């Protein structure tokens, strides 16, 4: 009974909003992320296979002004190649470990913008902040022939970014393309620690932010 009353309340709210110049919709999104935007079929297929993203969006429109929050899951992978000066260890061996960092993430953008409404066709443009949350992290070390250990390569649990978005609605189907860039460093430390045959040292990390294109298709359920 409570669930039925909640559904009825949402329907009444949506109908009232439509009658007073407000519009609200919510639905799923599916797409991919890429460092370089391409419209070639092979590139899109490859990006979707390796960098899929999925989630939900909601959109409140007030006389063509838009507020659109989203929650998107995505998987990211980064490869780091390090060089350790051979004079820093007693073996005198040049160390070149490679570290692969795999993460499960959530992106939470909140877009503000405007739409051009032509009935069944709408064109949108918006900008806004993005919060990135790390859900899990896995680190694999390849010593390139040497038994090198690399520790402390950890990222911040939450970082900030900003994004520019353009979108197109055709009836209930939405297409969004946005470019997001990081505003805060993704690493929680300035150095990573290495160890080899009893020797230890640090490798300095350069600042790194998340910059990417995200292409998604969505479906308005309300």
N, C-alpha and C. Protein backbone atom coordinates (compact mmCIF):
# COMPACT_ATOMS: atom_id res chain seq x y z
N UNK A 1 0.82 -1.20 0.00
CA UNK A 1 0.00 0.00 0.00
C UNK A 1 0.86 1.26 0.00
N UNK A 2 1.92 1.24 0.83
CA UNK A 2 2.81 2.41 0.90
C UNK A 2 3.50 2.64 -0.44
N UNK A 3 3.91 1.52 -1.09
CA UNK A 3 4.58 1.65 -2.39
C UNK A 3 3.62 2.22 -3.42
N UNK A 4 2.36 1.79 -3.38
CA UNK A 4 1.37 2.31 -4.33
C UNK A 4 1.13 3.79 -4.12
N UNK A 5 1.05 4.21 -2.86
CA UNK A 5 0.86 5.63 -2.56
C UNK A 5 2.07 6.45 -3.03
N UNK A 6 3.27 5.88 -2.89
CA UNK A 6 4.48 6.59 -3.33
C UNK A 6 4.48 6.77 -4.84
N UNK A 7 4.11 5.70 -5.57
CA UNK A 7 4.04 5.78 -7.04
C UNK A 7 3.01 6.82 -7.47
N UNK A 8 1.84 6.80 -6.83
CA UNK A 8 0.80 7.77 -7.16
C UNK A 8 1.25 9.20 -6.87
N UNK A 9 1.99 9.39 -5.76
CA UNK A 9 2.49 10.72 -5.41
C UNK A 9 3.47 11.23 -6.45
N UNK A 10 4.36 10.32 -6.95
CA UNK A 10 5.33 10.71 -7.98
C UNK A 10 4.61 11.10 -9.26
N UNK A 11 3.60 10.31 -9.65
CA UNK A 11 2.84 10.61 -10.86
C UNK A 11 2.15 11.96 -10.75
N UNK A 12 1.52 12.22 -9.61
CA UNK A 12 0.84 13.51 -9.40
C UNK A 12 1.84 14.65 -9.45
N UNK A 13 3.02 14.44 -8.84
CA UNK A 13 4.06 15.48 -8.83
C UNK A 13 4.52 15.79 -10.25
N UNK A 14 4.75 14.74 -11.05
CA UNK A 14 5.20 14.94 -12.43
C UNK A 14 4.14 15.65 -13.26
N UNK A 15 2.88 15.25 -13.11
CA UNK A 15 1.80 15.88 -13.87
C UNK A 15 1.63 17.35 -13.47
N UNK A 16 1.74 17.63 -12.18
CA UNK A 16 1.64 19.02 -11.71
C UNK A 16 2.80 19.86 -12.23
N UNK A 17 4.00 19.27 -12.22
CA UNK A 17 5.18 19.99 -12.72
C UNK A 17 5.02 20.32 -14.20
N UNK A 18 4.52 19.36 -14.98
CA UNK A 18 4.33 19.61 -16.42
C UNK A 18 3.33 20.73 -16.67
N UNK A 19 2.30 20.80 -15.84
CA UNK A 19 1.26 21.81 -16.03
C UNK A 19 1.71 23.20 -15.64
N UNK A 20 2.75 23.32 -14.84
CA UNK A 20 3.21 24.63 -14.36
C UNK A 20 4.55 25.05 -14.97
N UNK A 21 4.95 24.44 -16.08
CA UNK A 21 6.20 24.83 -16.74
C UNK A 21 7.42 24.08 -16.25
N UNK A 22 7.23 23.11 -15.38
CA UNK A 22 8.31 22.27 -14.91
C UNK A 22 8.25 20.93 -15.64
N UNK A 23 9.42 20.29 -15.75
CA UNK A 23 9.45 18.95 -16.32
C UNK A 23 10.50 18.15 -15.55
N UNK A 24 10.19 16.90 -15.30
CA UNK A 24 11.12 16.04 -14.57
C UNK A 24 11.18 14.68 -15.26
N UNK A 25 12.40 14.15 -15.40
CA UNK A 25 12.56 12.81 -15.95
C UNK A 25 13.71 12.10 -15.25
N UNK A 26 13.68 10.78 -15.31
CA UNK A 26 14.71 9.96 -14.70
C UNK A 26 14.86 8.71 -15.54
N UNK A 27 16.07 8.14 -15.59
CA UNK A 27 16.25 6.93 -16.38
C UNK A 27 17.68 6.42 -16.35
N UNK A 28 17.91 5.27 -17.00
CA UNK A 28 19.24 4.67 -17.05
C UNK A 28 20.09 5.26 -18.18
N UNK A 29 21.42 5.11 -18.03
CA UNK A 29 22.36 5.53 -19.07
C UNK A 29 23.38 4.42 -19.29
N UNK A 30 23.86 4.31 -20.52
CA UNK A 30 24.88 3.33 -20.86
C UNK A 30 25.78 3.94 -21.92
N UNK A 31 27.10 3.75 -21.75
CA UNK A 31 28.02 4.34 -22.72
C UNK A 31 29.44 3.91 -22.49
N UNK A 32 30.38 4.78 -22.88
CA UNK A 32 31.79 4.45 -22.74
C UNK A 32 32.59 5.73 -22.52
N UNK A 33 33.83 5.54 -22.09
CA UNK A 33 34.75 6.65 -21.87
C UNK A 33 35.97 6.48 -22.76
N UNK A 34 36.55 7.61 -23.16
CA UNK A 34 37.71 7.56 -24.05
C UNK A 34 38.56 8.81 -23.85
N UNK A 35 39.86 8.66 -24.05
CA UNK A 35 40.76 9.80 -23.94
C UNK A 35 40.71 10.67 -25.19
N UNK A 36 40.40 10.05 -26.33
CA UNK A 36 40.33 10.76 -27.61
C UNK A 36 39.01 10.45 -28.28
N UNK A 37 38.20 11.46 -28.54
CA UNK A 37 36.88 11.26 -29.12
C UNK A 37 37.02 10.91 -30.60
N UNK A 38 36.37 9.81 -31.00
CA UNK A 38 36.41 9.36 -32.39
C UNK A 38 35.00 8.93 -32.81
N UNK A 39 34.68 9.11 -34.08
CA UNK A 39 33.38 8.70 -34.60
C UNK A 39 33.49 7.47 -35.50
N UNK A 40 34.68 6.82 -35.49
CA UNK A 40 34.87 5.61 -36.27
C UNK A 40 34.25 4.42 -35.52
N UNK A 41 33.58 3.55 -36.26
CA UNK A 41 32.88 2.41 -35.65
C UNK A 41 33.83 1.53 -34.87
N UNK A 42 35.01 1.25 -35.41
CA UNK A 42 35.97 0.37 -34.73
C UNK A 42 36.46 0.97 -33.41
N UNK A 43 36.70 2.30 -33.41
CA UNK A 43 37.15 2.96 -32.18
C UNK A 43 36.06 2.97 -31.12
N UNK A 44 34.82 3.21 -31.54
CA UNK A 44 33.70 3.22 -30.59
C UNK A 44 33.50 1.83 -29.99
N UNK A 45 33.57 0.79 -30.82
CA UNK A 45 33.39 -0.58 -30.35
C UNK A 45 34.49 -0.96 -29.36
N UNK A 46 35.73 -0.58 -29.67
CA UNK A 46 36.85 -0.88 -28.78
C UNK A 46 36.72 -0.14 -27.45
N UNK A 47 36.34 1.15 -27.49
CA UNK A 47 36.19 1.94 -26.27
C UNK A 47 35.07 1.40 -25.40
N UNK A 48 33.97 1.01 -26.03
CA UNK A 48 32.84 0.49 -25.25
C UNK A 48 33.22 -0.82 -24.57
N UNK A 49 33.95 -1.67 -25.28
CA UNK A 49 34.32 -2.97 -24.74
C UNK A 49 35.25 -2.85 -23.54
N UNK A 50 36.19 -1.91 -23.60
CA UNK A 50 37.20 -1.81 -22.53
C UNK A 50 36.90 -0.73 -21.50
N UNK A 51 36.04 0.25 -21.82
CA UNK A 51 35.79 1.37 -20.92
C UNK A 51 34.31 1.69 -20.80
N UNK A 52 33.50 0.66 -20.57
CA UNK A 52 32.06 0.85 -20.46
C UNK A 52 31.72 1.63 -19.20
N UNK A 53 30.66 2.43 -19.27
CA UNK A 53 30.14 3.12 -18.11
C UNK A 53 28.61 2.97 -18.09
N UNK A 54 28.03 2.90 -16.90
CA UNK A 54 26.58 2.72 -16.78
C UNK A 54 26.11 3.39 -15.51
N UNK A 55 24.85 3.85 -15.52
CA UNK A 55 24.33 4.49 -14.32
C UNK A 55 22.93 5.05 -14.53
N UNK A 56 22.62 6.07 -13.75
CA UNK A 56 21.31 6.70 -13.77
C UNK A 56 21.45 8.21 -13.91
N UNK A 57 20.44 8.84 -14.49
CA UNK A 57 20.40 10.30 -14.55
C UNK A 57 19.02 10.78 -14.17
N UNK A 58 18.94 12.00 -13.68
CA UNK A 58 17.67 12.67 -13.42
C UNK A 58 17.79 14.07 -14.00
N UNK A 59 16.67 14.61 -14.47
CA UNK A 59 16.73 15.96 -15.06
C UNK A 59 15.49 16.75 -14.66
N UNK A 60 15.73 17.90 -14.09
CA UNK A 60 14.66 18.85 -13.77
C UNK A 60 14.80 20.04 -14.70
N UNK A 61 13.75 20.33 -15.45
CA UNK A 61 13.75 21.44 -16.39
C UNK A 61 12.73 22.49 -15.94
N UNK A 62 13.19 23.72 -15.79
CA UNK A 62 12.33 24.84 -15.40
C UNK A 62 12.40 25.88 -16.51
N UNK A 63 11.38 25.89 -17.36
CA UNK A 63 11.35 26.81 -18.51
C UNK A 63 12.66 26.77 -19.30
N UNK A 64 13.08 25.55 -19.64
CA UNK A 64 14.25 25.27 -20.48
C UNK A 64 15.58 25.43 -19.76
N UNK A 65 15.58 25.78 -18.48
CA UNK A 65 16.81 25.72 -17.69
C UNK A 65 16.90 24.35 -17.03
N UNK A 66 18.09 23.75 -17.03
CA UNK A 66 18.25 22.35 -16.67
C UNK A 66 19.12 22.18 -15.42
N UNK A 67 18.69 21.27 -14.56
CA UNK A 67 19.54 20.72 -13.50
C UNK A 67 19.56 19.21 -13.73
N UNK A 68 20.74 18.64 -13.97
CA UNK A 68 20.83 17.22 -14.31
C UNK A 68 21.92 16.52 -13.50
N UNK A 69 21.58 15.88 -12.39
CA UNK A 69 22.56 15.07 -11.67
C UNK A 69 22.62 13.66 -12.27
N UNK A 70 23.80 13.03 -12.17
CA UNK A 70 23.98 11.68 -12.68
C UNK A 70 24.83 10.88 -11.69
N UNK A 71 24.70 9.57 -11.74
CA UNK A 71 25.57 8.65 -11.00
C UNK A 71 26.02 7.59 -12.00
N UNK A 72 27.33 7.57 -12.30
CA UNK A 72 27.85 6.67 -13.33
C UNK A 72 28.97 5.79 -12.76
N UNK A 73 28.83 4.49 -12.94
CA UNK A 73 29.91 3.56 -12.58
C UNK A 73 30.86 3.44 -13.77
N UNK A 74 32.17 3.35 -13.50
CA UNK A 74 33.12 3.08 -14.57
C UNK A 74 34.37 2.43 -14.01
N UNK A 75 35.05 1.71 -14.87
CA UNK A 75 36.30 1.04 -14.52
C UNK A 75 37.45 1.77 -15.20
N UNK A 76 38.52 2.01 -14.48
CA UNK A 76 39.67 2.71 -15.05
C UNK A 76 40.94 1.89 -14.84
N UNK A 77 41.85 2.00 -15.79
CA UNK A 77 43.14 1.32 -15.69
C UNK A 77 44.26 2.27 -16.08
N UNK A 78 45.30 2.32 -15.27
CA UNK A 78 46.43 3.21 -15.54
C UNK A 78 47.72 2.43 -15.39
N UNK A 79 48.68 2.69 -16.27
CA UNK A 79 49.97 2.01 -16.25
C UNK A 79 51.06 3.03 -15.97
N UNK A 80 51.91 2.74 -14.98
CA UNK A 80 52.99 3.64 -14.59
C UNK A 80 54.32 2.93 -14.78
N UNK A 81 55.23 3.57 -15.51
CA UNK A 81 56.59 3.06 -15.71
C UNK A 81 57.55 3.90 -14.87
N UNK A 82 58.30 3.22 -13.99
CA UNK A 82 59.24 3.91 -13.10
C UNK A 82 60.67 3.51 -13.44
N UNK A 83 61.58 4.45 -13.22
CA UNK A 83 63.01 4.21 -13.39
C UNK A 83 63.73 4.53 -12.10
N UNK A 84 64.51 3.58 -11.60
CA UNK A 84 65.27 3.76 -10.36
C UNK A 84 66.75 3.79 -10.71
N UNK A 85 67.41 4.86 -10.31
CA UNK A 85 68.85 5.02 -10.55
C UNK A 85 69.61 3.85 -9.94
N UNK A 86 70.50 3.16 -10.73
CA UNK A 86 71.24 2.01 -10.19
C UNK A 86 72.14 2.36 -9.02
N UNK A 87 72.51 3.64 -8.87
CA UNK A 87 73.37 4.01 -7.74
C UNK A 87 72.60 4.05 -6.43
N UNK A 88 71.28 3.92 -6.49
CA UNK A 88 70.47 3.99 -5.27
C UNK A 88 70.30 2.64 -4.60
N UNK A 89 70.80 1.56 -5.19
CA UNK A 89 70.74 0.26 -4.52
C UNK A 89 72.12 -0.40 -4.56
N UNK A 90 72.39 -1.25 -3.57
CA UNK A 90 73.72 -1.83 -3.41
C UNK A 90 74.08 -2.81 -4.52
N UNK A 91 73.06 -3.32 -5.25
CA UNK A 91 73.33 -4.25 -6.34
C UNK A 91 73.80 -3.52 -7.60
N UNK A 92 73.60 -2.21 -7.65
CA UNK A 92 73.99 -1.45 -8.82
C UNK A 92 73.21 -1.78 -10.07
N UNK A 93 71.97 -2.23 -9.88
CA UNK A 93 71.12 -2.64 -11.00
C UNK A 93 70.09 -1.56 -11.30
N UNK A 94 69.94 -1.24 -12.59
CA UNK A 94 68.90 -0.29 -12.98
C UNK A 94 67.54 -0.98 -12.87
N UNK A 95 66.63 -0.37 -12.15
CA UNK A 95 65.31 -0.96 -11.93
C UNK A 95 64.27 -0.20 -12.75
N UNK A 96 63.42 -0.96 -13.43
CA UNK A 96 62.37 -0.35 -14.28
C UNK A 96 61.03 -1.05 -14.05
N UNK A 97 60.50 -0.93 -12.85
CA UNK A 97 59.21 -1.59 -12.57
C UNK A 97 58.05 -0.90 -13.29
N UNK A 98 57.06 -1.69 -13.66
CA UNK A 98 55.82 -1.19 -14.24
C UNK A 98 54.67 -1.56 -13.30
N UNK A 99 53.86 -0.57 -12.97
CA UNK A 99 52.74 -0.79 -12.06
C UNK A 99 51.44 -0.53 -12.82
N UNK A 100 50.54 -1.50 -12.78
CA UNK A 100 49.22 -1.36 -13.38
C UNK A 100 48.19 -1.18 -12.27
N UNK A 101 47.47 -0.07 -12.31
CA UNK A 101 46.50 0.27 -11.28
C UNK A 101 45.10 0.17 -11.88
N UNK A 102 44.29 -0.74 -11.34
CA UNK A 102 42.92 -0.94 -11.83
C UNK A 102 41.94 -0.53 -10.74
N UNK A 103 40.94 0.28 -11.11
CA UNK A 103 39.99 0.80 -10.12
C UNK A 103 38.55 0.64 -10.60
N UNK A 104 37.65 0.50 -9.63
CA UNK A 104 36.22 0.62 -9.85
C UNK A 104 35.81 1.97 -9.26
N UNK A 105 35.08 2.78 -10.04
CA UNK A 105 34.81 4.16 -9.64
C UNK A 105 33.35 4.55 -9.82
N UNK A 106 32.97 5.62 -9.14
CA UNK A 106 31.70 6.29 -9.37
C UNK A 106 31.99 7.75 -9.73
N UNK A 107 31.33 8.23 -10.77
CA UNK A 107 31.38 9.65 -11.11
C UNK A 107 29.99 10.24 -10.84
N UNK A 108 29.97 11.38 -10.15
CA UNK A 108 28.70 12.03 -9.82
C UNK A 108 28.75 13.47 -10.34
N UNK A 109 28.40 13.69 -11.61
CA UNK A 109 28.33 15.06 -12.14
C UNK A 109 26.99 15.71 -11.81
N UNK A 110 27.00 17.02 -11.66
CA UNK A 110 25.77 17.79 -11.48
C UNK A 110 25.81 18.91 -12.51
N UNK A 111 25.04 18.74 -13.59
CA UNK A 111 25.08 19.68 -14.71
C UNK A 111 24.00 20.76 -14.57
N UNK A 112 24.39 21.97 -14.92
CA UNK A 112 23.46 23.10 -15.01
C UNK A 112 23.53 23.64 -16.42
N UNK A 113 22.37 23.91 -17.04
CA UNK A 113 22.44 24.37 -18.41
C UNK A 113 21.11 24.82 -18.97
N UNK A 114 21.01 24.76 -20.30
CA UNK A 114 19.84 25.29 -21.01
C UNK A 114 19.55 24.38 -22.20
N UNK A 115 18.29 24.28 -22.58
CA UNK A 115 17.91 23.48 -23.73
C UNK A 115 17.10 24.29 -24.73
N UNK A 116 17.23 23.92 -25.99
CA UNK A 116 16.39 24.44 -27.06
C UNK A 116 15.34 23.38 -27.36
N UNK A 117 14.08 23.69 -27.12
CA UNK A 117 13.00 22.72 -27.18
C UNK A 117 12.22 22.87 -28.49
N UNK A 118 12.27 21.81 -29.31
CA UNK A 118 11.50 21.79 -30.56
C UNK A 118 10.52 20.62 -30.53
N UNK A 119 9.88 20.43 -29.41
CA UNK A 119 8.91 19.34 -29.29
C UNK A 119 9.59 18.02 -28.99
N UNK A 120 9.53 17.10 -29.94
CA UNK A 120 10.16 15.79 -29.75
C UNK A 120 11.68 15.87 -29.82
N UNK A 121 12.22 16.97 -30.29
CA UNK A 121 13.66 17.16 -30.42
C UNK A 121 14.12 18.27 -29.48
N UNK A 122 15.13 17.97 -28.68
CA UNK A 122 15.70 18.96 -27.76
C UNK A 122 17.22 18.93 -27.86
N UNK A 123 17.81 20.11 -27.87
CA UNK A 123 19.27 20.24 -27.90
C UNK A 123 19.70 20.92 -26.60
N UNK A 124 20.70 20.33 -25.92
CA UNK A 124 21.09 20.81 -24.60
C UNK A 124 22.57 21.18 -24.54
N UNK A 125 22.87 22.13 -23.67
CA UNK A 125 24.25 22.46 -23.35
C UNK A 125 24.34 22.77 -21.86
N UNK A 126 25.31 22.16 -21.16
CA UNK A 126 25.42 22.40 -19.72
C UNK A 126 26.84 22.15 -19.21
N UNK A 127 27.09 22.67 -18.03
CA UNK A 127 28.39 22.53 -17.37
C UNK A 127 28.13 22.23 -15.90
N UNK A 128 29.17 21.77 -15.21
CA UNK A 128 28.99 21.54 -13.79
C UNK A 128 30.15 20.79 -13.16
N UNK A 129 30.14 20.68 -11.84
CA UNK A 129 31.18 19.95 -11.12
C UNK A 129 30.97 18.44 -11.20
N UNK A 130 32.06 17.70 -10.98
CA UNK A 130 32.01 16.24 -10.96
C UNK A 130 32.76 15.75 -9.72
N UNK A 131 32.13 14.85 -8.98
CA UNK A 131 32.80 14.17 -7.86
C UNK A 131 33.14 12.75 -8.29
N UNK A 132 34.39 12.34 -8.04
CA UNK A 132 34.83 10.99 -8.36
C UNK A 132 35.10 10.23 -7.06
N UNK A 133 34.53 9.02 -6.95
CA UNK A 133 34.72 8.18 -5.78
C UNK A 133 35.36 6.86 -6.21
N UNK A 134 36.41 6.44 -5.50
CA UNK A 134 37.06 5.16 -5.77
C UNK A 134 36.39 4.09 -4.90
N UNK A 135 35.81 3.08 -5.55
CA UNK A 135 35.13 2.00 -4.83
C UNK A 135 36.08 0.88 -4.46
N UNK A 136 37.00 0.55 -5.35
CA UNK A 136 37.99 -0.50 -5.08
C UNK A 136 39.21 -0.26 -5.94
N UNK A 137 40.34 -0.85 -5.54
CA UNK A 137 41.60 -0.62 -6.24
C UNK A 137 42.46 -1.87 -6.20
N UNK A 138 43.08 -2.21 -7.32
CA UNK A 138 43.98 -3.35 -7.41
C UNK A 138 45.28 -2.91 -8.06
N UNK A 139 46.41 -3.36 -7.50
CA UNK A 139 47.72 -2.95 -8.00
C UNK A 139 48.53 -4.19 -8.39
N UNK A 140 49.04 -4.21 -9.62
CA UNK A 140 49.90 -5.30 -10.10
C UNK A 140 51.25 -4.72 -10.49
N UNK A 141 52.33 -5.36 -10.01
CA UNK A 141 53.69 -4.89 -10.25
C UNK A 141 54.43 -5.87 -11.15
N UNK A 142 55.03 -5.35 -12.21
CA UNK A 142 55.89 -6.13 -13.09
C UNK A 142 57.30 -5.55 -12.97
N UNK A 143 58.21 -6.34 -12.41
CA UNK A 143 59.58 -5.86 -12.21
C UNK A 143 60.43 -5.89 -13.45
N UNK A 144 59.86 -6.32 -14.60
CA UNK A 144 60.62 -6.43 -15.85
C UNK A 144 61.91 -7.22 -15.67
N UNK A 145 61.74 -8.42 -15.08
CA UNK A 145 62.90 -9.31 -14.89
C UNK A 145 63.55 -9.20 -13.53
N UNK A 146 63.14 -8.22 -12.73
CA UNK A 146 63.70 -8.02 -11.40
C UNK A 146 62.59 -8.18 -10.35
N UNK A 147 62.96 -8.71 -9.19
CA UNK A 147 61.97 -8.90 -8.11
C UNK A 147 61.83 -7.61 -7.30
N UNK A 148 61.18 -6.62 -7.93
CA UNK A 148 61.01 -5.30 -7.31
C UNK A 148 59.61 -5.21 -6.71
N UNK A 149 59.52 -4.68 -5.51
CA UNK A 149 58.23 -4.42 -4.89
C UNK A 149 57.98 -2.91 -4.90
N UNK A 150 56.75 -2.52 -5.23
CA UNK A 150 56.36 -1.11 -5.21
C UNK A 150 55.13 -0.99 -4.33
N UNK A 151 55.21 -0.14 -3.31
CA UNK A 151 54.11 0.03 -2.37
C UNK A 151 53.65 1.49 -2.37
N UNK A 152 52.49 1.70 -1.73
CA UNK A 152 52.00 3.06 -1.44
C UNK A 152 51.49 3.81 -2.66
N UNK A 153 51.21 3.10 -3.77
CA UNK A 153 50.64 3.76 -4.94
C UNK A 153 49.13 3.77 -4.77
N UNK A 154 48.66 4.66 -3.92
CA UNK A 154 47.24 4.74 -3.62
C UNK A 154 46.68 6.10 -4.01
N UNK A 155 45.43 6.09 -4.43
CA UNK A 155 44.79 7.33 -4.85
C UNK A 155 43.85 7.83 -3.77
N UNK A 156 43.46 9.08 -3.90
CA UNK A 156 42.47 9.64 -2.98
C UNK A 156 41.14 8.94 -3.18
N UNK A 157 40.39 8.77 -2.09
CA UNK A 157 39.08 8.13 -2.19
C UNK A 157 38.06 9.01 -2.91
N UNK A 158 38.27 10.33 -2.87
CA UNK A 158 37.35 11.24 -3.55
C UNK A 158 38.13 12.41 -4.13
N UNK A 159 37.89 12.72 -5.40
CA UNK A 159 38.52 13.86 -6.06
C UNK A 159 37.45 14.68 -6.78
N UNK A 160 37.84 15.89 -7.19
CA UNK A 160 36.91 16.82 -7.85
C UNK A 160 37.32 17.05 -9.29
N UNK A 161 36.31 17.28 -10.12
CA UNK A 161 36.54 17.66 -11.50
C UNK A 161 35.45 18.61 -11.98
N UNK A 162 35.50 18.94 -13.26
CA UNK A 162 34.47 19.76 -13.89
C UNK A 162 34.24 19.22 -15.29
N UNK A 163 33.04 19.47 -15.83
CA UNK A 163 32.72 18.89 -17.13
C UNK A 163 31.87 19.85 -17.96
N UNK A 164 32.08 19.77 -19.29
CA UNK A 164 31.24 20.46 -20.27
C UNK A 164 30.44 19.39 -21.02
N UNK A 165 29.15 19.60 -21.19
CA UNK A 165 28.30 18.57 -21.78
C UNK A 165 27.42 19.16 -22.88
N UNK A 166 27.27 18.42 -23.97
CA UNK A 166 26.28 18.73 -24.99
C UNK A 166 25.40 17.50 -25.15
N UNK A 167 24.11 17.72 -25.38
CA UNK A 167 23.20 16.60 -25.46
C UNK A 167 22.09 16.80 -26.46
N UNK A 168 21.48 15.70 -26.84
CA UNK A 168 20.39 15.70 -27.81
C UNK A 168 19.34 14.71 -27.33
N UNK A 169 18.08 15.15 -27.29
CA UNK A 169 16.96 14.27 -26.98
C UNK A 169 16.11 14.08 -28.23
N UNK A 170 15.80 12.83 -28.54
CA UNK A 170 14.83 12.51 -29.58
C UNK A 170 13.75 11.68 -28.91
N UNK A 171 12.62 12.32 -28.64
CA UNK A 171 11.53 11.72 -27.86
C UNK A 171 12.07 11.32 -26.49
N UNK A 172 12.11 10.04 -26.16
CA UNK A 172 12.57 9.60 -24.85
C UNK A 172 14.03 9.14 -24.83
N UNK A 173 14.71 9.18 -25.97
CA UNK A 173 16.10 8.74 -26.06
C UNK A 173 17.03 9.94 -25.94
N UNK A 174 18.06 9.83 -25.11
CA UNK A 174 19.00 10.93 -24.92
C UNK A 174 20.41 10.52 -25.36
N UNK A 175 21.13 11.45 -25.93
CA UNK A 175 22.54 11.27 -26.28
C UNK A 175 23.32 12.39 -25.61
N UNK A 176 24.36 12.04 -24.85
CA UNK A 176 25.19 13.04 -24.19
C UNK A 176 26.65 12.78 -24.48
N UNK A 177 27.38 13.86 -24.76
CA UNK A 177 28.84 13.81 -24.94
C UNK A 177 29.43 14.88 -24.04
N UNK A 178 30.26 14.47 -23.09
CA UNK A 178 30.87 15.49 -22.23
C UNK A 178 32.36 15.26 -22.09
N UNK A 179 33.05 16.34 -21.81
CA UNK A 179 34.49 16.28 -21.53
C UNK A 179 34.70 16.74 -20.10
N UNK A 180 35.31 15.89 -19.30
CA UNK A 180 35.56 16.22 -17.90
C UNK A 180 37.07 16.29 -17.66
N UNK A 181 37.46 17.21 -16.80
CA UNK A 181 38.88 17.35 -16.45
C UNK A 181 39.01 17.48 -14.93
N UNK A 182 40.06 16.86 -14.40
CA UNK A 182 40.26 16.84 -12.97
C UNK A 182 40.73 18.19 -12.43
N UNK A 183 40.27 18.51 -11.23
CA UNK A 183 40.68 19.74 -10.56
C UNK A 183 41.59 19.46 -9.37
N UNK A 184 41.58 18.22 -8.88
CA UNK A 184 42.43 17.86 -7.75
C UNK A 184 43.27 16.63 -8.10
N UNK A 185 44.43 16.51 -7.45
CA UNK A 185 45.34 15.41 -7.71
C UNK A 185 44.73 14.09 -7.26
N UNK A 186 44.84 13.06 -8.10
CA UNK A 186 44.24 11.77 -7.78
C UNK A 186 45.05 10.98 -6.76
N UNK A 187 46.33 11.33 -6.58
CA UNK A 187 47.16 10.59 -5.63
C UNK A 187 47.07 11.17 -4.23
N UNK A 188 47.11 10.27 -3.23
CA UNK A 188 47.07 10.69 -1.85
C UNK A 188 48.45 10.90 -1.26
N UNK A 189 49.51 10.69 -2.07
CA UNK A 189 50.88 10.84 -1.59
C UNK A 189 51.74 11.39 -2.72
N UNK A 190 52.88 11.97 -2.37
CA UNK A 190 53.80 12.50 -3.39
C UNK A 190 54.83 11.48 -3.84
N UNK A 191 54.94 10.37 -3.10
CA UNK A 191 55.98 9.39 -3.40
C UNK A 191 55.44 7.96 -3.26
N UNK A 192 56.04 7.05 -4.03
CA UNK A 192 55.80 5.62 -3.83
C UNK A 192 57.10 4.99 -3.36
N UNK A 193 56.98 3.91 -2.62
CA UNK A 193 58.14 3.24 -2.05
C UNK A 193 58.50 2.00 -2.87
N UNK A 194 59.78 1.79 -3.11
CA UNK A 194 60.24 0.58 -3.79
C UNK A 194 61.22 -0.17 -2.88
N UNK A 195 61.31 -1.47 -3.08
CA UNK A 195 62.28 -2.29 -2.34
C UNK A 195 62.84 -3.35 -3.27
N UNK A 196 64.15 -3.62 -3.12
CA UNK A 196 64.83 -4.58 -3.99
C UNK A 196 66.06 -5.09 -3.25
N UNK A 197 66.08 -6.41 -2.99
CA UNK A 197 67.22 -7.04 -2.32
C UNK A 197 67.60 -6.34 -1.02
N UNK A 198 66.62 -5.93 -0.26
CA UNK A 198 66.88 -5.28 1.03
C UNK A 198 67.05 -3.78 0.95
N UNK A 199 67.23 -3.23 -0.25
CA UNK A 199 67.32 -1.78 -0.41
C UNK A 199 65.92 -1.19 -0.53
N UNK A 200 65.78 0.05 -0.06
CA UNK A 200 64.50 0.75 -0.15
C UNK A 200 64.72 2.18 -0.60
N UNK A 201 63.70 2.75 -1.22
CA UNK A 201 63.78 4.13 -1.65
C UNK A 201 62.42 4.65 -2.05
N UNK A 202 62.39 5.90 -2.51
CA UNK A 202 61.15 6.54 -2.93
C UNK A 202 61.24 7.01 -4.37
N UNK A 203 60.12 6.99 -5.05
CA UNK A 203 60.00 7.54 -6.40
C UNK A 203 58.97 8.65 -6.36
N UNK A 204 59.34 9.83 -6.86
CA UNK A 204 58.43 10.96 -6.82
C UNK A 204 57.32 10.79 -7.85
N UNK A 205 56.10 11.11 -7.44
CA UNK A 205 54.94 11.06 -8.33
C UNK A 205 54.58 12.46 -8.81
N UNK A 206 54.40 12.61 -10.10
CA UNK A 206 53.89 13.87 -10.62
C UNK A 206 52.39 13.96 -10.37
N UNK A 207 51.87 15.17 -10.27
CA UNK A 207 50.43 15.35 -10.10
C UNK A 207 49.70 14.77 -11.31
N UNK A 208 48.59 14.11 -11.04
CA UNK A 208 47.80 13.51 -12.12
C UNK A 208 46.33 13.73 -11.86
N UNK A 209 45.60 14.12 -12.90
CA UNK A 209 44.15 14.33 -12.80
C UNK A 209 43.46 13.46 -13.85
N UNK A 210 42.16 13.27 -13.68
CA UNK A 210 41.37 12.47 -14.61
C UNK A 210 40.76 13.37 -15.68
N UNK A 211 41.14 13.13 -16.94
CA UNK A 211 40.61 13.89 -18.07
C UNK A 211 40.07 12.90 -19.10
N UNK A 212 38.80 13.02 -19.47
CA UNK A 212 38.23 12.03 -20.38
C UNK A 212 36.94 12.54 -21.04
N UNK A 213 36.63 11.94 -22.19
CA UNK A 213 35.34 12.11 -22.83
C UNK A 213 34.42 10.97 -22.37
N UNK A 214 33.14 11.29 -22.17
CA UNK A 214 32.14 10.28 -21.84
C UNK A 214 30.97 10.41 -22.81
N UNK A 215 30.64 9.31 -23.47
CA UNK A 215 29.54 9.28 -24.44
C UNK A 215 28.50 8.30 -23.91
N UNK A 216 27.25 8.76 -23.74
CA UNK A 216 26.21 7.88 -23.20
C UNK A 216 24.90 8.03 -23.96
N UNK A 217 24.16 6.93 -23.99
CA UNK A 217 22.78 6.91 -24.44
C UNK A 217 21.89 6.66 -23.22
N UNK A 218 20.78 7.40 -23.11
CA UNK A 218 19.89 7.24 -21.99
C UNK A 218 18.45 7.08 -22.45
N UNK A 219 17.61 6.67 -21.51
CA UNK A 219 16.18 6.50 -21.79
C UNK A 219 15.38 7.14 -20.68
N UNK A 220 14.52 8.08 -21.05
CA UNK A 220 13.67 8.76 -20.07
C UNK A 220 12.47 7.89 -19.73
N UNK A 221 12.42 7.44 -18.47
CA UNK A 221 11.34 6.56 -18.06
C UNK A 221 10.14 7.33 -17.54
N UNK A 222 10.35 8.55 -17.08
CA UNK A 222 9.25 9.40 -16.60
C UNK A 222 9.23 10.69 -17.40
